[in-house]
Amino acid sequence: MTKFKNARVANDKNTKKQYQPYMEAEWGFINHWYPAAFSDELPEGEVKGIQIAGIPIVLRRAKGTVHALLDQCLHRGVRFSAKPMCLNDETITCWYHGFTFNLDDGELSTIVAAPDDKLIGTTGIQKFAVEEVNGMIFVFVCEEDWDEEIPPLKNDLPIRFPENNEKFPHPLWPDTPSILDEGVVIRGMHRTGNANWRLACENGFDAGHLLIHRDNAIVQAKEWAVPLGIKPLDDQAIAIIEDEDGPQGFLNRYFTDSYEPILENPILDIKAYGQNPKYFRTSMFMPGVLMVENWPEEHVVQYEWYIPITDDTYEYWEVLVKKCNTEQEKKEFEYRFENLYKPMCLEGFNDCDLMARDAMQNFYADGTGWDDEQLADMDASVIVWRKCASNFNRGIAQPPRGVNGSKKGQSKDLAAAALGDWPGMDAYATGRKYDKS
């Protein structure tokens, strides 16, 4: 058997040392902002249980305000969201033994059947910061002993335009909006993927993976000239973004002299389809959010989050944003989302990515894949992302205790799978997708 011992790889041992923290982040990064729900997933008075980076979180909207607390009673560890009990607008009560906690600070305020217990007022559960903006609810998922100032939400979102036009010009397409802009309309969906969150992240901007979209319906219907791959040519191809008080990550300088689109491979007699050029640009930011400018059409931007749930599941968020100045423009965008963007782009086009990520999971599941992989020049952005994530993260989530995924092969997991209810981000609606349409 032939052995290729001297293969030249882009990620040799010295390179791997530079992103060791990333390799250790099996459960994700902590002390960051993550999407938790679309606003209309949580109507007034409702309760919703989720899990992010191994941390169970319960959301409750009371008097218009969204509260987020640890979804685990300190008494015997059951999840509040399993059977929501809210006896007033200020508290949430454990349905099992009646331990009741303040929504404002998580303090144990009373116990239903033991109002004089000495434990009352001396302990509590973790409270998380919440931001709700333009129809999305974000939670700052942090360690219990986090005592630093909470960074603004904008620091964990992609860079914005036009304020970054001079630094990162894009003459081939119009400015794309931001989630934080006034007057934007957000439509999207989220669903659970069965792979580690890092594999999903890397698939999002991987310059060599366009091959899997070659025969996609939207590509064929619009006759987009999507290349077979995009090759970086010099060290200016990727811009690292490391503002201390702002987003941190990197941007691929597509459609510049630093990248070459690969349109054919004469050895295999294969060529890119399509006559219509499709201009877009990808960038990736902490803690794991992708921005695709000018996608799927002009004046629209796509954001993707790959939110760690356990060490082998992630929640895949696909969000489209457009500035709508009139009610008619809003209706047109919503109609286009429902009849084009969702079925052909978020589902049809991105379903190829879901399959690809899941296909890598077995190779990386036991940890050896990170050592055995042989990355090539096309993977330059993958290596840059790993280094950025290692340098810019605010903390590495540790393997949790007493929650979904902390122990493998549980009978509960097998029972859930038998019912078609595989574990996901939503605590009691797992394995199902939610369409924000």
Protein backbone atom coordinates (compact mmCIF):
# COMPACT_ATOMS: atom_id res chain seq x y z
CA MET A 1 0.00 0.00 0.00
CA THR A 2 1.34 3.42 -0.98
CA LYS A 3 1.99 5.82 1.90
CA PHE A 4 1.94 9.57 1.36
CA LYS A 5 4.00 10.58 4.35
CA ASN A 6 5.32 13.83 2.98
CA ALA A 7 2.12 15.46 1.74
CA ARG A 8 2.30 19.25 1.93
CA VAL A 9 -0.64 20.44 4.02
CA ALA A 10 -1.70 23.95 4.97
CA ASN A 11 -2.24 23.02 8.61
CA ASP A 12 1.02 21.53 9.84
CA LYS A 13 1.77 21.06 13.54
CA ASN A 14 3.04 24.61 14.01
CA THR A 15 -0.12 26.03 12.45
CA LYS A 16 -2.36 23.84 14.60
CA LYS A 17 -0.71 25.15 17.74
CA GLN A 18 -1.99 28.62 16.81
CA TYR A 19 -5.60 27.52 17.01
CA GLN A 20 -5.50 25.05 19.90
CA PRO A 21 -8.26 26.92 21.84
CA TYR A 22 -10.59 26.45 18.89
CA MET A 23 -9.90 22.72 18.87
CA GLU A 24 -10.86 22.64 22.54
CA ALA A 25 -14.15 24.50 21.98
CA GLU A 26 -16.22 21.38 21.38
CA TRP A 27 -19.18 22.87 23.27
CA GLY A 28 -18.76 26.33 21.76
CA PHE A 29 -17.75 29.73 23.08
CA ILE A 30 -19.31 31.34 26.11
CA ASN A 31 -19.69 34.96 27.28
CA HIS A 32 -21.16 35.94 23.91
CA TRP A 33 -24.51 37.05 22.47
CA TYR A 34 -26.57 34.38 20.65
CA PRO A 35 -30.02 34.41 19.00
CA ALA A 36 -32.48 32.61 21.29
CA ALA A 37 -35.81 32.98 19.50
CA PHE A 38 -37.76 35.05 17.02
CA SER A 39 -39.98 37.51 18.87
CA ASP A 40 -43.21 35.88 17.78
CA GLU A 41 -42.01 32.52 19.07
CA LEU A 42 -42.51 34.01 22.53
CA PRO A 43 -45.92 35.72 22.88
CA GLU A 44 -46.92 37.58 26.03
CA GLY A 45 -47.06 35.28 29.05
CA GLU A 46 -45.39 32.36 27.26
CA VAL A 47 -42.41 30.29 28.39
CA LYS A 48 -39.81 28.65 26.13
CA GLY A 49 -36.89 26.40 27.02
CA ILE A 50 -33.71 26.27 24.93
CA GLN A 51 -30.11 25.11 25.28
CA ILE A 52 -27.00 26.97 24.10
CA ALA A 53 -23.40 25.80 24.61
CA GLY A 54 -24.65 23.16 27.04
CA ILE A 55 -26.51 25.72 29.17
CA PRO A 56 -30.29 25.26 29.64
CA ILE A 57 -32.09 28.61 29.44
CA VAL A 58 -35.75 29.44 30.06
CA LEU A 59 -37.29 32.47 28.38
CA ARG A 60 -40.42 34.17 29.66
CA ARG A 61 -42.20 37.25 28.34
CA ALA A 62 -44.02 39.14 31.10
CA LYS A 63 -45.49 42.64 30.72
CA GLY A 64 -43.80 42.90 27.34
CA THR A 65 -40.29 42.21 28.67
CA VAL A 66 -38.33 39.06 27.85
CA HIS A 67 -36.50 37.47 30.78
CA ALA A 68 -33.89 34.70 30.55
CA LEU A 69 -32.89 32.51 33.49
CA LEU A 70 -31.19 29.18 34.01
CA ASP A 71 -33.71 26.52 33.06
CA GLN A 72 -32.81 24.26 35.96
CA CYS A 73 -34.30 24.43 39.42
CA LEU A 74 -31.61 24.54 42.09
CA HIS A 75 -33.65 22.15 44.26
CA ARG A 76 -33.63 18.90 42.23
CA GLY A 77 -32.56 20.10 38.78
CA VAL A 78 -35.75 19.78 36.71
CA ARG A 79 -36.37 22.23 33.87
CA PHE A 80 -38.99 24.91 34.45
CA SER A 81 -39.93 24.76 30.76
CA ALA A 82 -40.97 21.10 31.03
CA LYS A 83 -44.27 22.25 32.57
CA PRO A 84 -44.34 26.05 32.82
CA MET A 85 -45.88 27.45 36.00
CA CYS A 86 -46.13 31.23 36.32
CA LEU A 87 -48.33 32.31 39.22
CA ASN A 88 -47.77 36.06 38.71
CA ASP A 89 -45.94 38.45 36.38
CA GLU A 90 -42.85 38.74 38.58
CA THR A 91 -41.80 35.10 39.06
CA ILE A 92 -41.45 31.64 37.62
CA THR A 93 -42.28 28.60 39.76
CA CYS A 94 -40.92 25.08 39.58
CA TRP A 95 -43.89 22.83 38.85
CA TYR A 96 -42.39 19.96 40.88
CA HIS A 97 -41.81 21.31 44.41
CA GLY A 98 -42.90 24.93 44.11
CA PHE A 99 -39.55 26.74 44.36
CA THR A 100 -40.30 30.23 43.02
CA PHE A 101 -37.74 32.65 41.55
CA ASN A 102 -37.84 36.36 40.71
CA LEU A 103 -37.64 37.10 37.01
CA ASP A 104 -35.58 40.27 37.60
CA ASP A 105 -32.64 38.71 39.43
CA GLY A 106 -33.27 34.95 39.78
CA GLU A 107 -33.49 35.08 43.59
CA LEU A 108 -35.48 32.39 45.39
CA SER A 109 -38.44 34.46 46.61
CA THR A 110 -40.66 31.77 48.11
CA ILE A 111 -41.58 28.10 48.09
CA VAL A 112 -45.24 27.30 47.46
CA ALA A 113 -45.66 24.84 50.32
CA ALA A 114 -42.90 26.20 52.58
CA PRO A 115 -43.09 30.04 52.63
CA ASP A 116 -41.01 30.21 55.84
CA ASP A 117 -38.12 28.03 54.68
CA LYS A 118 -34.71 29.41 55.67
CA LEU A 119 -33.39 28.92 52.14
CA ILE A 120 -35.64 31.70 50.81
CA GLY A 121 -33.77 34.91 50.03
CA THR A 122 -30.34 33.29 50.41
CA THR A 123 -29.89 31.68 47.00
CA GLY A 124 -31.12 31.78 43.42
CA ILE A 125 -30.53 30.83 39.80
CA GLN A 126 -28.51 32.54 37.09
CA LYS A 127 -30.04 35.47 35.21
CA PHE A 128 -28.97 36.28 31.62
CA ALA A 129 -29.01 39.63 29.81
CA VAL A 130 -31.51 39.94 26.94
CA GLU A 131 -31.74 42.23 23.91
CA GLU A 132 -34.76 42.23 21.60
CA VAL A 133 -34.36 44.00 18.27
CA ASN A 134 -36.31 43.95 15.00
CA GLY A 135 -38.12 40.71 15.76
CA MET A 136 -35.20 38.74 17.22
CA ILE A 137 -34.40 37.89 20.84
CA PHE A 138 -30.71 37.66 21.79
CA VAL A 139 -29.31 36.30 25.07
CA PHE A 140 -25.85 36.94 26.49
CA VAL A 141 -24.89 33.36 27.37
CA CYS A 142 -22.24 33.61 30.07
CA GLU A 143 -20.52 31.83 32.90
CA GLU A 144 -22.24 32.12 36.27
CA ASP A 145 -19.31 34.06 37.73
CA TRP A 146 -19.07 36.53 34.81
CA ASP A 147 -18.51 39.88 36.53
CA GLU A 148 -17.28 42.04 33.66
CA GLU A 149 -19.33 44.64 31.83
CA ILE A 150 -21.55 43.00 29.26
CA PRO A 151 -20.41 44.04 25.77
CA PRO A 152 -22.98 45.62 23.44
CA LEU A 153 -24.83 43.33 21.07
CA LYS A 154 -23.21 45.03 18.06
CA ASN A 155 -19.84 43.57 19.07
CA ASP A 156 -21.14 40.06 18.36
CA LEU A 157 -22.71 40.91 15.00
CA PRO A 158 -21.12 41.49 11.57
CA ILE A 159 -19.73 44.86 10.51
CA ARG A 160 -22.19 47.37 9.10
CA PHE A 161 -22.45 49.44 5.96
CA PRO A 162 -22.12 52.16 4.75
CA GLU A 163 -19.89 53.00 7.72
CA ASN A 164 -17.33 50.39 6.56
CA ASN A 165 -17.47 51.19 2.84
CA GLU A 166 -14.11 52.96 2.78
CA LYS A 167 -12.37 50.16 4.65
CA PHE A 168 -14.04 47.35 2.71
CA PRO A 169 -15.33 48.75 -0.61
CA HIS A 170 -17.86 46.74 -2.61
CA PRO A 171 -18.43 48.47 -5.97
CA LEU A 172 -20.23 45.48 -7.51
CA TRP A 173 -23.34 45.58 -5.31
CA PRO A 174 -25.37 48.02 -3.20
CA ASP A 175 -25.01 48.44 0.56
CA THR A 176 -26.60 45.61 2.48
CA PRO A 177 -28.56 46.35 5.67
CA SER A 178 -27.89 45.27 9.24
CA ILE A 179 -30.11 43.61 11.81
CA LEU A 180 -29.66 46.72 13.94
CA ASP A 181 -30.79 49.20 11.27
CA GLU A 182 -34.09 51.01 11.62
CA GLY A 183 -36.81 50.06 9.16
CA VAL A 184 -35.44 46.62 8.30
CA VAL A 185 -37.63 43.55 7.93
CA ILE A 186 -36.27 40.21 9.09
CA ARG A 187 -37.51 36.85 7.88
CA GLY A 188 -35.91 33.49 8.49
CA MET A 189 -35.93 30.08 10.08
CA HIS A 190 -33.89 27.87 12.37
CA ARG A 191 -33.45 24.11 12.59
CA THR A 192 -31.19 21.55 14.24
CA GLY A 193 -28.14 20.04 12.54
CA ASN A 194 -26.49 16.81 13.65
CA ALA A 195 -22.85 17.85 13.67
CA ASN A 196 -20.46 19.86 15.79
CA TRP A 197 -21.02 23.60 15.49
CA ARG A 198 -17.47 24.21 14.21
CA LEU A 199 -18.01 22.04 11.15
CA ALA A 200 -21.12 24.07 10.36
CA CYS A 201 -19.24 27.36 10.76
CA GLU A 202 -16.46 26.35 8.44
CA ASN A 203 -18.85 25.12 5.78
CA GLY A 204 -20.51 28.55 5.65
CA PHE A 205 -17.52 30.37 4.15
CA ASP A 206 -15.42 27.48 2.81
CA ALA A 207 -14.16 28.78 -0.56
CA GLY A 208 -13.85 25.30 -2.04
CA HIS A 209 -17.32 23.96 -1.25
CA LEU A 210 -19.26 25.69 -4.04
CA LEU A 211 -19.10 22.39 -5.94
CA ILE A 212 -21.97 21.01 -3.83
CA HIS A 213 -24.24 23.81 -5.10
CA ARG A 214 -23.40 23.25 -8.78
CA ASP A 215 -26.71 21.56 -9.64
CA ASN A 216 -28.89 23.50 -7.23
CA ALA A 217 -32.30 24.61 -8.50
CA ILE A 218 -31.87 28.34 -7.80
CA VAL A 219 -28.44 28.35 -9.49
CA GLN A 220 -29.88 26.66 -12.57
CA ALA A 221 -33.07 28.74 -12.66
CA LYS A 222 -31.21 32.06 -12.53
CA GLU A 223 -28.28 30.77 -14.63
CA TRP A 224 -25.83 32.08 -12.06
CA ALA A 225 -22.20 31.68 -13.04
CA VAL A 226 -21.25 30.24 -9.66
CA PRO A 227 -17.61 29.07 -9.88
CA LEU A 228 -16.41 25.60 -8.94
CA GLY A 229 -14.35 27.23 -6.20
CA ILE A 230 -12.57 30.46 -5.32
CA LYS A 231 -8.78 30.39 -4.94
CA PRO A 232 -6.91 32.86 -2.69
CA LEU A 233 -3.85 34.28 -4.45
CA ASP A 234 -2.05 36.36 -1.82
CA ASP A 235 -2.07 37.38 1.83
CA GLN A 236 -4.45 40.27 1.05
CA ALA A 237 -7.26 37.88 0.15
CA ILE A 238 -8.52 37.75 3.74
CA ALA A 239 -8.89 40.78 5.99
CA ILE A 240 -8.81 40.18 9.73
CA ILE A 241 -11.18 42.44 11.68
CA GLU A 242 -10.09 42.93 15.27
CA ASP A 243 -11.66 46.11 16.59
CA GLU A 244 -11.50 46.15 20.38
CA ASP A 245 -14.90 47.80 20.61
CA GLY A 246 -16.66 46.15 17.70
CA PRO A 247 -17.06 42.95 15.69
CA GLN A 248 -14.13 40.57 15.46
CA GLY A 249 -13.54 38.04 12.70
CA PHE A 250 -12.51 38.15 9.05
CA LEU A 251 -13.74 39.10 5.59
CA ASN A 252 -13.04 37.38 2.27
CA ARG A 253 -12.08 39.96 -0.35
CA TYR A 254 -13.89 38.23 -3.21
CA PHE A 255 -13.94 39.86 -6.66
CA THR A 256 -10.58 41.52 -6.15
CA ASP A 257 -7.17 40.65 -7.57
CA SER A 258 -6.52 38.62 -4.44
CA TYR A 259 -8.96 35.87 -5.41
CA GLU A 260 -9.32 33.83 -8.58
CA PRO A 261 -12.63 32.10 -9.41
CA ILE A 262 -12.07 28.58 -10.71
CA LEU A 263 -14.44 28.16 -13.65
CA GLU A 264 -13.22 24.88 -15.11
CA ASN A 265 -11.08 21.81 -14.55
CA PRO A 266 -9.73 20.56 -17.91
CA ILE A 267 -8.46 17.32 -16.39
CA LEU A 268 -12.02 16.33 -15.50
CA ASP A 269 -13.67 18.26 -18.33
CA ILE A 270 -15.98 20.07 -15.92
CA LYS A 271 -17.03 23.72 -16.15
CA ALA A 272 -19.11 26.17 -14.15
CA TYR A 273 -22.65 26.61 -15.43
CA GLY A 274 -24.47 29.85 -16.08
CA GLN A 275 -24.00 33.12 -17.92
CA ASN A 276 -25.09 35.58 -15.22
CA PRO A 277 -22.38 36.62 -12.77
CA LYS A 278 -23.43 36.42 -9.13
CA TYR A 279 -21.55 38.91 -6.96
CA PHE A 280 -21.43 38.25 -3.24
CA ARG A 281 -19.00 38.36 -0.33
CA THR A 282 -18.71 36.31 2.85
CA SER A 283 -17.39 37.30 6.26
CA MET A 284 -17.38 35.51 9.61
CA PHE A 285 -17.56 37.01 13.09
CA MET A 286 -17.51 35.93 16.69
CA PRO A 287 -19.06 33.94 18.20
CA GLY A 288 -20.02 32.19 14.94
CA VAL A 289 -22.15 34.36 12.65
CA LEU A 290 -21.73 34.47 8.89
CA MET A 291 -22.70 37.41 6.68
CA VAL A 292 -23.30 36.90 2.95
CA GLU A 293 -23.69 40.27 1.27
CA ASN A 294 -25.90 40.68 -1.79
CA TRP A 295 -27.51 37.28 -1.28
CA PRO A 296 -29.75 35.90 -2.57
CA GLU A 297 -30.57 39.15 -4.39
CA GLU A 298 -29.55 42.80 -4.37
CA HIS A 299 -30.44 44.86 -1.27
CA VAL A 300 -30.76 41.64 0.76
CA VAL A 301 -28.23 40.20 3.19
CA GLN A 302 -28.17 36.71 4.67
CA TYR A 303 -26.95 36.03 8.21
CA GLU A 304 -26.28 32.54 9.48
CA TRP A 305 -25.61 31.45 13.06
CA TYR A 306 -24.30 28.02 14.01
CA ILE A 307 -25.25 27.86 17.66
CA PRO A 308 -23.76 25.03 19.74
CA ILE A 309 -26.38 23.01 21.59
CA THR A 310 -24.32 19.98 22.57
CA ASP A 311 -20.97 18.74 21.29
CA ASP A 312 -22.68 17.07 18.33
CA THR A 313 -25.73 19.23 17.59
CA TYR A 314 -26.10 22.87 16.61
CA GLU A 315 -28.98 25.20 15.80
CA TYR A 316 -28.76 26.53 12.26
CA TRP A 317 -30.22 30.04 11.97
CA GLU A 318 -30.85 31.43 8.47
CA VAL A 319 -31.98 35.05 8.47
CA LEU A 320 -32.64 37.42 5.55
CA VAL A 321 -32.70 41.18 6.13
CA LYS A 322 -33.95 43.95 3.86
CA LYS A 323 -34.67 47.65 4.36
CA CYS A 324 -38.32 48.31 3.56
CA ASN A 325 -39.39 51.95 3.41
CA THR A 326 -43.10 51.37 2.84
CA GLU A 327 -45.73 48.85 3.83
CA GLN A 328 -45.94 47.78 0.19
CA GLU A 329 -42.19 47.06 0.07
CA LYS A 330 -42.57 44.98 3.24
CA LYS A 331 -45.40 42.94 1.71
CA GLU A 332 -43.39 42.36 -1.46
CA PHE A 333 -40.35 41.19 0.52
CA GLU A 334 -42.48 38.86 2.63
CA TYR A 335 -44.14 37.44 -0.48
CA ARG A 336 -40.77 36.88 -2.14
CA PHE A 337 -39.46 35.25 1.04
CA GLU A 338 -42.36 32.83 1.21
CA ASN A 339 -42.37 31.88 -2.47
CA LEU A 340 -38.70 32.13 -3.49
CA TYR A 341 -36.17 32.70 -0.74
CA LYS A 342 -37.38 30.10 1.75
CA PRO A 343 -38.13 27.15 -0.55
CA MET A 344 -35.29 27.66 -3.03
CA CYS A 345 -32.56 29.34 -0.98
CA LEU A 346 -32.87 28.74 2.76
CA GLU A 347 -34.12 25.21 2.19
CA GLY A 348 -33.14 24.13 -1.31
CA PHE A 349 -29.71 25.77 -1.57
CA ASN A 350 -28.73 25.45 2.09
CA ASP A 351 -29.99 21.88 2.43
CA CYS A 352 -26.83 20.93 0.52
CA ASP A 353 -24.78 22.52 3.31
CA LEU A 354 -26.69 20.67 6.04
CA MET A 355 -25.91 17.37 4.35
CA ALA A 356 -22.23 18.27 3.94
CA ARG A 357 -21.80 19.20 7.62
CA ASP A 358 -23.47 16.03 8.83
CA ALA A 359 -21.24 14.03 6.48
CA MET A 360 -18.11 15.31 8.27
CA GLN A 361 -19.32 14.59 11.81
CA ASN A 362 -18.20 10.95 12.14
CA PHE A 363 -14.66 11.85 11.07
CA TYR A 364 -14.38 14.56 13.76
CA ALA A 365 -16.62 13.08 16.48
CA ASP A 366 -13.91 11.41 18.55
CA GLY A 367 -11.49 14.34 18.20
CA THR A 368 -9.01 12.64 15.90
CA GLY A 369 -10.27 14.34 12.75
CA TRP A 370 -8.69 17.63 13.80
CA ASP A 371 -5.30 15.87 13.73
CA ASP A 372 -5.89 13.68 10.67
CA GLU A 373 -7.37 16.25 8.29
CA GLN A 374 -5.13 17.51 5.46
CA LEU A 375 -6.15 21.04 4.55
CA ALA A 376 -5.13 22.59 1.22
CA ASP A 377 -4.64 26.14 -0.09
CA MET A 378 -8.39 26.46 -0.70
CA ASP A 379 -8.84 26.20 3.09
CA ALA A 380 -7.00 29.43 3.90
CA SER A 381 -10.13 31.08 5.30
CA VAL A 382 -10.81 28.04 7.48
CA ILE A 383 -7.40 28.39 9.10
CA VAL A 384 -7.82 32.15 9.50
CA TRP A 385 -11.19 31.65 11.21
CA ARG A 386 -9.73 29.10 13.62
CA LYS A 387 -6.99 31.53 14.60
CA CYS A 388 -9.43 34.44 14.95
CA ALA A 389 -11.79 32.37 17.11
CA SER A 390 -8.88 31.25 19.28
CA ASN A 391 -7.72 34.84 19.81
CA PHE A 392 -11.03 36.69 20.08
CA ASN A 393 -13.28 34.39 22.12
CA ARG A 394 -14.32 35.50 25.62
CA GLY A 395 -14.37 31.99 27.00
CA ILE A 396 -14.57 28.32 26.05
CA ALA A 397 -17.69 26.47 27.15
CA GLN A 398 -16.87 23.51 29.35
CA PRO A 399 -18.60 20.12 29.14
CA PRO A 400 -21.79 20.62 31.17
CA ARG A 401 -23.28 18.57 33.97
CA GLY A 402 -26.82 17.30 34.26
CA VAL A 403 -28.16 18.52 30.90
CA ASN A 404 -28.95 17.20 27.44
CA GLY A 405 -25.82 15.78 25.84
CA SER A 406 -23.64 15.68 28.95
CA LYS A 407 -23.73 11.90 28.91
CA LYS A 408 -23.83 9.79 25.78
CA GLY A 409 -26.21 6.97 24.97
CA GLN A 410 -28.93 7.96 27.41
CA SER A 411 -32.20 6.05 27.26
CA LYS A 412 -33.99 9.41 27.09
CA ASP A 413 -32.20 10.21 23.84
CA LEU A 414 -33.15 6.85 22.37
CA ALA A 415 -36.76 7.29 23.42
CA ALA A 416 -36.87 10.79 21.90
CA ALA A 417 -35.34 9.53 18.66
CA ALA A 418 -37.91 6.74 18.44
CA LEU A 419 -40.62 9.41 18.58
CA GLY A 420 -38.92 11.45 15.89
CA ASP A 421 -38.11 14.09 18.49
CA TRP A 422 -34.31 14.22 18.42
CA PRO A 423 -32.69 16.66 20.90
CA GLY A 424 -32.37 20.22 19.68
CA MET A 425 -32.08 23.82 20.84
CA ASP A 426 -35.73 23.97 21.87
CA ALA A 427 -36.09 22.00 25.07
CA TYR A 428 -39.52 20.54 24.38
CA ALA A 429 -39.97 21.03 20.65
CA THR A 430 -36.72 19.39 19.65
CA GLY A 431 -35.69 18.38 16.18
CA ARG A 432 -38.31 20.65 14.56
CA LYS A 433 -37.71 23.79 12.58
CA TYR A 434 -39.35 27.15 13.11
CA ASP A 435 -40.05 29.29 10.06
CA LYS A 436 -40.12 33.05 10.70
CA SER A 437 -42.31 33.87 7.72
